Protein backbone atom coordinates (compact mmCIF):
# COMPACT_ATOMS: atom_id res chain seq x y z
CA MET A 1 0.00 0.00 0.00
CA ALA A 2 1.37 3.41 -0.97
CA ARG A 3 2.31 5.75 1.84
CA LEU A 4 -0.16 8.58 2.41
CA LYS A 5 1.08 12.06 1.61
CA GLU A 6 1.02 14.92 4.11
CA ARG A 7 -1.95 17.17 3.41
CA ARG A 8 0.03 20.23 2.36
CA TRP A 9 -0.86 22.51 -0.55
CA GLU A 10 2.68 22.31 -1.93
CA LEU A 11 2.32 18.55 -2.39
CA MET A 12 -1.11 18.64 -4.01
CA GLU A 13 -1.27 18.18 -7.76
CA VAL A 14 -3.98 18.98 -10.30
CA GLY A 15 -5.11 15.75 -11.94
CA GLU A 16 -4.24 13.37 -9.10
CA GLU A 17 -7.04 10.88 -8.54
CA PHE A 18 -8.52 9.38 -5.39
CA GLY A 19 -10.51 6.26 -4.62
CA PRO A 20 -12.38 4.27 -5.41
CA LEU A 21 -14.09 3.97 -2.06
CA ASP A 22 -16.99 1.52 -1.86
CA LEU A 23 -19.54 2.30 0.84
CA GLU A 24 -22.81 0.68 1.86
CA VAL A 25 -25.69 3.05 2.61
CA THR A 26 -26.85 1.55 5.88
CA ASP A 27 -29.84 2.38 8.02
CA HIS A 28 -27.46 3.52 10.77
CA LEU A 29 -25.62 5.86 8.38
CA VAL A 30 -28.86 7.53 7.34
CA LYS A 31 -30.22 7.80 10.88
CA SER A 32 -26.94 9.35 12.07
CA PHE A 33 -27.07 11.91 9.27
CA VAL A 34 -30.68 12.96 9.79
CA TYR A 35 -30.01 13.31 13.53
CA ALA A 36 -26.91 15.44 12.93
CA VAL A 37 -28.71 17.82 10.54
CA ASP A 38 -31.99 17.83 12.47
CA ASP A 39 -33.95 16.44 9.54
CA ASP A 40 -37.23 14.58 9.83
CA PHE A 41 -37.47 10.85 9.30
CA ARG A 42 -39.65 10.71 6.22
CA TYR A 43 -36.64 9.52 4.22
CA LEU A 44 -36.83 6.31 6.24
CA CYS A 45 -40.43 5.56 5.28
CA ASP A 46 -41.11 2.80 2.78
CA ARG A 47 -41.81 4.25 -0.65
CA PRO A 48 -44.27 2.86 -3.21
CA ASP A 49 -41.40 1.35 -5.22
CA THR A 50 -40.30 -0.50 -2.03
CA SER A 51 -36.95 1.33 -1.95
CA ARG A 52 -36.03 3.52 1.00
CA ILE A 53 -34.55 6.78 -0.20
CA ALA A 54 -31.85 8.63 1.73
CA PRO A 55 -31.25 12.40 1.84
CA PRO A 56 -29.56 13.49 -1.41
CA THR A 57 -26.61 15.18 0.36
CA LEU A 58 -26.06 12.19 2.67
CA LEU A 59 -22.61 11.35 1.28
CA CYS A 60 -21.21 14.80 0.52
CA ARG A 61 -18.83 14.59 3.49
CA GLU A 62 -17.60 11.14 2.48
CA ALA A 63 -17.14 12.35 -1.11
CA ARG A 64 -15.20 15.40 0.11
CA ASP A 65 -12.98 13.15 2.23
CA VAL A 66 -12.18 10.68 -0.59
CA ILE A 67 -8.72 12.29 -0.61
CA ARG A 68 -7.96 10.14 2.43
CA THR A 69 -6.99 7.44 -0.09
CA GLY A 70 -4.01 9.59 -1.05
CA TYR A 71 -3.48 11.94 1.91
CA ASP A 72 -3.35 11.76 5.67
CA ILE A 73 -6.23 14.17 6.24
CA THR A 74 -5.25 14.66 9.90
CA SER A 75 -1.98 16.26 8.79
CA GLY A 76 -1.00 19.49 7.07
CA GLY A 77 -2.36 22.03 9.53
CA ALA A 78 -5.63 23.93 9.50
CA GLY A 79 -7.81 24.38 6.44
CA MET A 80 -11.20 25.82 5.56
CA HIS A 81 -13.95 24.58 3.26
CA THR A 82 -15.05 27.79 1.49
CA LYS A 83 -17.33 26.78 -1.40
CA HIS A 84 -19.35 23.78 -2.45
CA GLU A 85 -21.30 22.86 -5.55
CA CYS A 86 -23.29 19.71 -6.13
CA GLU A 87 -25.41 18.28 -8.90
CA ILE A 88 -27.87 15.61 -7.79
CA PHE A 89 -28.75 12.92 -10.34
CA ALA A 90 -30.46 10.50 -7.94
CA SER A 91 -30.56 9.96 -4.19
CA PRO A 92 -28.95 6.88 -2.65
CA THR A 93 -31.18 4.22 -1.14
CA ILE A 94 -30.68 2.21 2.04
CA GLY A 95 -28.91 -1.07 1.33
CA GLN A 96 -27.21 0.26 -1.78
CA VAL A 97 -23.45 0.05 -2.28
CA VAL A 98 -21.99 3.18 -3.88
CA ARG A 99 -18.56 3.98 -5.28
CA ILE A 100 -16.85 7.31 -4.55
CA THR A 101 -14.02 8.72 -6.67
CA GLY A 102 -12.34 12.10 -6.86
CA ARG A 103 -9.58 14.19 -8.39
CA HIS A 104 -8.01 17.59 -7.88
CA VAL A 105 -9.14 19.86 -10.73
CA ALA A 106 -7.71 23.27 -9.78
CA LYS A 107 -5.01 24.80 -7.59
CA PHE A 108 -4.37 28.51 -7.20
CA VAL A 109 -3.37 31.38 -4.93
CA LYS A 110 -5.76 34.26 -4.33
CA ARG A 111 -5.16 37.12 -1.91
CA GLU A 112 -2.19 35.24 -0.48
CA LYS A 113 -4.35 32.21 0.36
CA GLN A 114 -3.72 28.76 -1.11
CA TYR A 115 -6.75 27.08 -2.70
CA ILE A 116 -7.37 23.55 -3.91
CA VAL A 117 -10.53 22.31 -5.70
CA LEU A 118 -11.66 18.69 -5.51
CA GLU A 119 -14.17 17.14 -7.92
CA SER A 120 -15.92 14.05 -6.51
CA TRP A 121 -18.35 11.58 -8.04
CA ILE A 122 -20.70 9.06 -6.46
CA HIS A 123 -21.95 6.19 -8.66
CA ASP A 124 -24.21 3.23 -7.95
CA GLU A 125 -23.20 -0.39 -8.56
CA ALA A 126 -24.32 -0.20 -12.19
CA GLY A 127 -22.13 2.84 -12.79
CA HIS A 128 -24.97 5.36 -12.90
CA PRO A 129 -24.08 8.74 -11.36
CA LEU A 130 -25.82 9.75 -8.14
CA LEU A 131 -23.96 12.98 -7.36
CA ARG A 132 -21.15 15.18 -8.65
CA GLN A 133 -19.63 17.85 -6.43
CA LEU A 134 -16.89 20.46 -6.39
CA SER A 135 -15.43 21.43 -3.01
CA THR A 136 -13.04 24.37 -2.66
CA HIS A 137 -10.67 24.56 0.29
CA ILE A 138 -8.11 26.98 1.67
CA ARG A 139 -5.05 25.27 3.07
CA ALA A 140 -2.47 26.37 5.69
CA LEU A 141 -4.66 28.74 7.67
CA ARG A 142 -3.17 30.69 10.55
CA PRO A 143 -4.95 30.47 13.95
CA GLY A 144 -7.73 33.04 14.17
CA VAL A 145 -8.44 33.28 10.42
CA ALA A 146 -11.67 31.30 10.73
CA ARG A 147 -13.31 33.68 13.17
CA GLU A 148 -16.78 35.12 13.27
CA THR A 149 -16.96 38.41 11.39
CA PRO A 150 -20.23 40.39 11.20
CA ARG A 151 -21.15 40.92 7.57
CA ALA A 152 -23.53 43.22 5.78
CA VAL A 153 -26.49 41.22 4.54
CA ASN A 154 -27.98 41.93 1.14
CA GLY A 155 -31.61 41.05 0.68
CA PRO A 156 -34.06 39.54 3.18
CA THR A 157 -32.81 38.78 6.69
CA GLY A 158 -34.01 36.72 9.60
CA PRO A 159 -36.77 34.10 9.64
CA THR A 160 -39.48 36.20 7.92
CA PRO A 161 -38.80 39.77 6.80
CA LEU A 162 -41.76 42.09 7.29
CA GLY A 163 -43.80 42.54 4.14
CA THR A 164 -42.24 39.58 2.33
CA PRO A 165 -44.76 36.99 1.05
CA VAL A 166 -43.87 33.49 2.19
CA ALA A 167 -44.57 30.63 -0.22
CA GLU A 168 -46.24 27.94 1.86
CA ASP A 169 -46.01 25.35 -0.92
CA ALA A 170 -44.92 24.97 -4.54
CA THR A 171 -48.29 25.58 -6.17
CA ARG A 172 -48.15 29.37 -6.43
CA LEU A 173 -44.51 30.37 -6.41
CA ARG A 174 -43.71 33.84 -7.73
CA PRO A 175 -40.38 35.70 -8.10
CA GLY A 176 -39.69 37.57 -4.88
CA ASP A 177 -41.52 35.08 -2.64
CA GLN A 178 -39.56 33.90 0.36
CA LEU A 179 -39.17 30.17 0.90
CA ARG A 180 -40.60 29.07 4.22
CA PRO A 181 -37.68 29.30 6.72
CA LEU A 182 -36.34 26.37 8.70
CA THR A 183 -35.14 27.04 12.25
CA LYS A 184 -32.25 24.99 13.65
CA ARG A 185 -30.11 24.93 16.77
CA ILE A 186 -26.95 22.83 16.52
CA THR A 187 -25.96 20.90 19.64
CA GLN A 188 -22.52 19.52 20.42
CA GLU A 189 -23.90 16.01 20.06
CA GLN A 190 -24.99 16.78 16.50
CA LEU A 191 -21.63 18.36 15.67
CA THR A 192 -19.82 15.28 16.94
CA VAL A 193 -22.05 12.82 15.08
CA PHE A 194 -21.60 14.71 11.81
CA ALA A 195 -17.82 15.17 12.14
CA GLY A 196 -17.13 11.79 13.71
CA THR A 197 -14.60 11.01 16.43
CA GLU A 198 -11.73 9.65 14.35
CA TRP A 199 -9.50 12.56 15.39
CA PRO A 200 -9.95 15.76 17.46
CA ASN A 201 -10.92 18.78 15.36
CA ILE A 202 -12.71 22.15 15.56
CA HIS A 203 -16.09 20.42 15.24
CA ASN A 204 -15.85 17.84 18.02
CA ASP A 205 -13.23 19.21 20.44
CA PRO A 206 -13.56 22.61 22.23
CA ALA A 207 -9.80 22.68 22.98
CA VAL A 208 -8.90 22.33 19.30
CA ALA A 209 -11.43 25.03 18.39
CA ALA A 210 -9.94 27.40 20.99
CA ALA A 211 -6.41 26.76 19.68
CA ALA A 212 -7.67 27.76 16.22
CA GLY A 213 -8.84 31.12 17.57
CA LEU A 214 -12.54 30.20 17.75
CA ARG A 215 -14.86 30.91 20.66
CA GLY A 216 -16.37 27.43 20.46
CA THR A 217 -16.78 24.36 18.29
CA VAL A 218 -18.28 25.02 14.87
CA ALA A 219 -20.52 23.24 12.40
CA SER A 220 -19.17 21.85 9.16
CA GLY A 221 -20.27 23.89 6.17
CA LEU A 222 -21.82 20.72 4.76
CA GLN A 223 -23.95 20.49 7.89
CA THR A 224 -25.54 23.88 7.24
CA MET A 225 -25.74 23.13 3.52
CA ALA A 226 -27.92 20.14 4.40
CA TYR A 227 -30.48 22.62 5.79
CA VAL A 228 -30.76 24.21 2.34
CA SER A 229 -31.23 20.75 0.84
CA GLN A 230 -34.10 20.17 3.27
CA LEU A 231 -35.56 23.55 2.33
CA MET A 232 -35.54 22.69 -1.37
CA THR A 233 -36.90 19.20 -0.76
CA GLY A 234 -39.95 20.81 0.86
CA TYR A 235 -40.82 22.54 -2.42
CA CYS A 236 -39.42 20.23 -5.09
CA GLY A 237 -39.70 16.75 -3.54
CA ASP A 238 -38.37 14.18 -5.99
CA GLY A 239 -37.51 17.05 -8.33
CA TRP A 240 -34.75 17.92 -5.88
CA SER A 241 -33.54 14.41 -5.07
CA ALA A 242 -33.25 13.71 -8.81
CA GLY A 243 -32.27 16.90 -10.58
CA GLY A 244 -31.32 19.39 -7.87
CA ARG A 245 -28.34 21.73 -8.15
CA LEU A 246 -26.70 23.75 -5.40
CA ALA A 247 -23.80 26.21 -5.29
CA VAL A 248 -22.98 27.88 -1.98
CA ALA A 249 -20.22 29.76 -0.20
CA PHE A 250 -19.48 29.25 3.50
CA ILE A 251 -18.83 32.81 4.65
CA ALA A 252 -18.83 32.63 8.46
CA PRO A 253 -18.81 29.88 11.09
CA VAL A 254 -21.85 28.56 12.96
CA PHE A 255 -21.01 28.01 16.60
CA VAL A 256 -22.37 25.30 18.84
CA ASN A 257 -25.85 26.05 20.27
CA GLU A 258 -26.47 28.97 17.90
CA VAL A 259 -29.87 29.38 16.28
CA VAL A 260 -29.70 29.22 12.49
CA TYR A 261 -32.39 30.14 9.95
CA ALA A 262 -32.27 28.56 6.49
CA SER A 263 -34.34 30.31 3.86
CA GLY A 264 -34.35 31.61 0.32
CA GLU A 265 -36.08 33.82 -2.18
CA VAL A 266 -37.55 32.76 -5.51
CA SER A 267 -35.42 34.22 -8.27
CA ARG A 268 -37.43 32.85 -11.18
CA ILE A 269 -39.47 29.91 -12.44
CA ASP A 270 -38.02 28.55 -15.68
CA GLU A 271 -39.86 26.53 -18.29
CA ARG A 272 -37.60 23.75 -19.58
CA ASP A 273 -38.68 20.84 -21.74
CA GLY A 274 -42.28 21.23 -20.66
CA ARG A 275 -41.39 21.29 -16.95
CA GLN A 276 -41.09 24.05 -14.37
CA ARG A 277 -37.82 24.60 -12.55
CA LEU A 278 -37.51 26.62 -9.36
CA VAL A 279 -34.41 28.82 -9.19
CA ALA A 280 -33.77 30.49 -5.82
CA ASP A 281 -31.24 32.52 -3.91
CA VAL A 282 -30.60 30.67 -0.66
CA TRP A 283 -28.91 31.49 2.63
CA CYS A 284 -28.41 30.55 6.26
CA GLU A 285 -28.18 33.16 9.03
CA THR A 286 -27.70 33.08 12.76
CA GLY A 287 -30.23 34.54 15.16
CA ALA A 288 -27.89 37.53 15.47
CA GLY A 289 -28.28 38.24 11.76
CA VAL A 290 -24.85 36.98 10.65
CA ARG A 291 -25.06 35.36 7.24
CA VAL A 292 -23.05 32.13 7.31
CA LEU A 293 -23.96 30.60 3.94
CA ALA A 294 -25.16 32.11 0.67
CA GLY A 295 -25.69 30.81 -2.82
CA THR A 296 -28.19 29.50 -5.34
CA ALA A 297 -30.28 26.37 -5.66
CA GLU A 298 -32.59 24.97 -8.30
CA GLY A 299 -34.82 21.95 -8.70
CA TRP A 300 -37.76 20.62 -10.70
CA LEU A 301 -41.28 21.34 -9.52
CA SER A 302 -43.81 18.51 -9.55
CA ALA A 303 -46.20 18.46 -12.50
């Protein structure tokens, strides 16, 4: 077995490939995920086709971490996941074995920060794609870089801005309508379940978070991104779990026990191939009004 490389930007190469990793989608894996992201359990209900569908972003963390086949991901110092894009072709189902692969597709320096971009794919046993994602990371962060910084918020803020119509369902969506907000509060138990306990990090260990210049443990960006996936599922249903697209930036940390609102605003309703597609600006904010995630999402509306 080849020796794992240290996770340093200088050693990373565009074009290097990772995997394959074969993973079974177990009932325990799904239950752990929906607990960690405070989702409901309707994914675990038997469906008419007898399959049991899992949340579409279930394996985004595993796909991001496919580089562990080439790198010791506990090494190389601090990093930050700054952006994430995913294209959902189909959701995994419980009992399914999936294959995860990845490769570095870009490497650059911007404003004296070192960036690396990983493209990951998840396929089913027949080779059909389930998900493609791009995750952008900064490497070699100094302590204190990933700190909470109040930011000016453009557009609607908070759970329900005054005077903004809230779309209760997908039947009468109009540009400018706000998507019905989801309210979350992330506990330490949820942070630990999502991040795992393989090694101490800023998500599961307060001492490590303090050493990084943070005032507490923080949620993974993918954890808050899962809230947006839930938001879109509420309007698009299967049109999200088979055909959803998401592109977000993680712009500030979410600290343990903070209240977070996930919401969005309808940008437009497109007509494509005889179907309607919801396109929305999406965001997550803390109860203090700090925007922690912002981006766009789109999915098919039911006929």
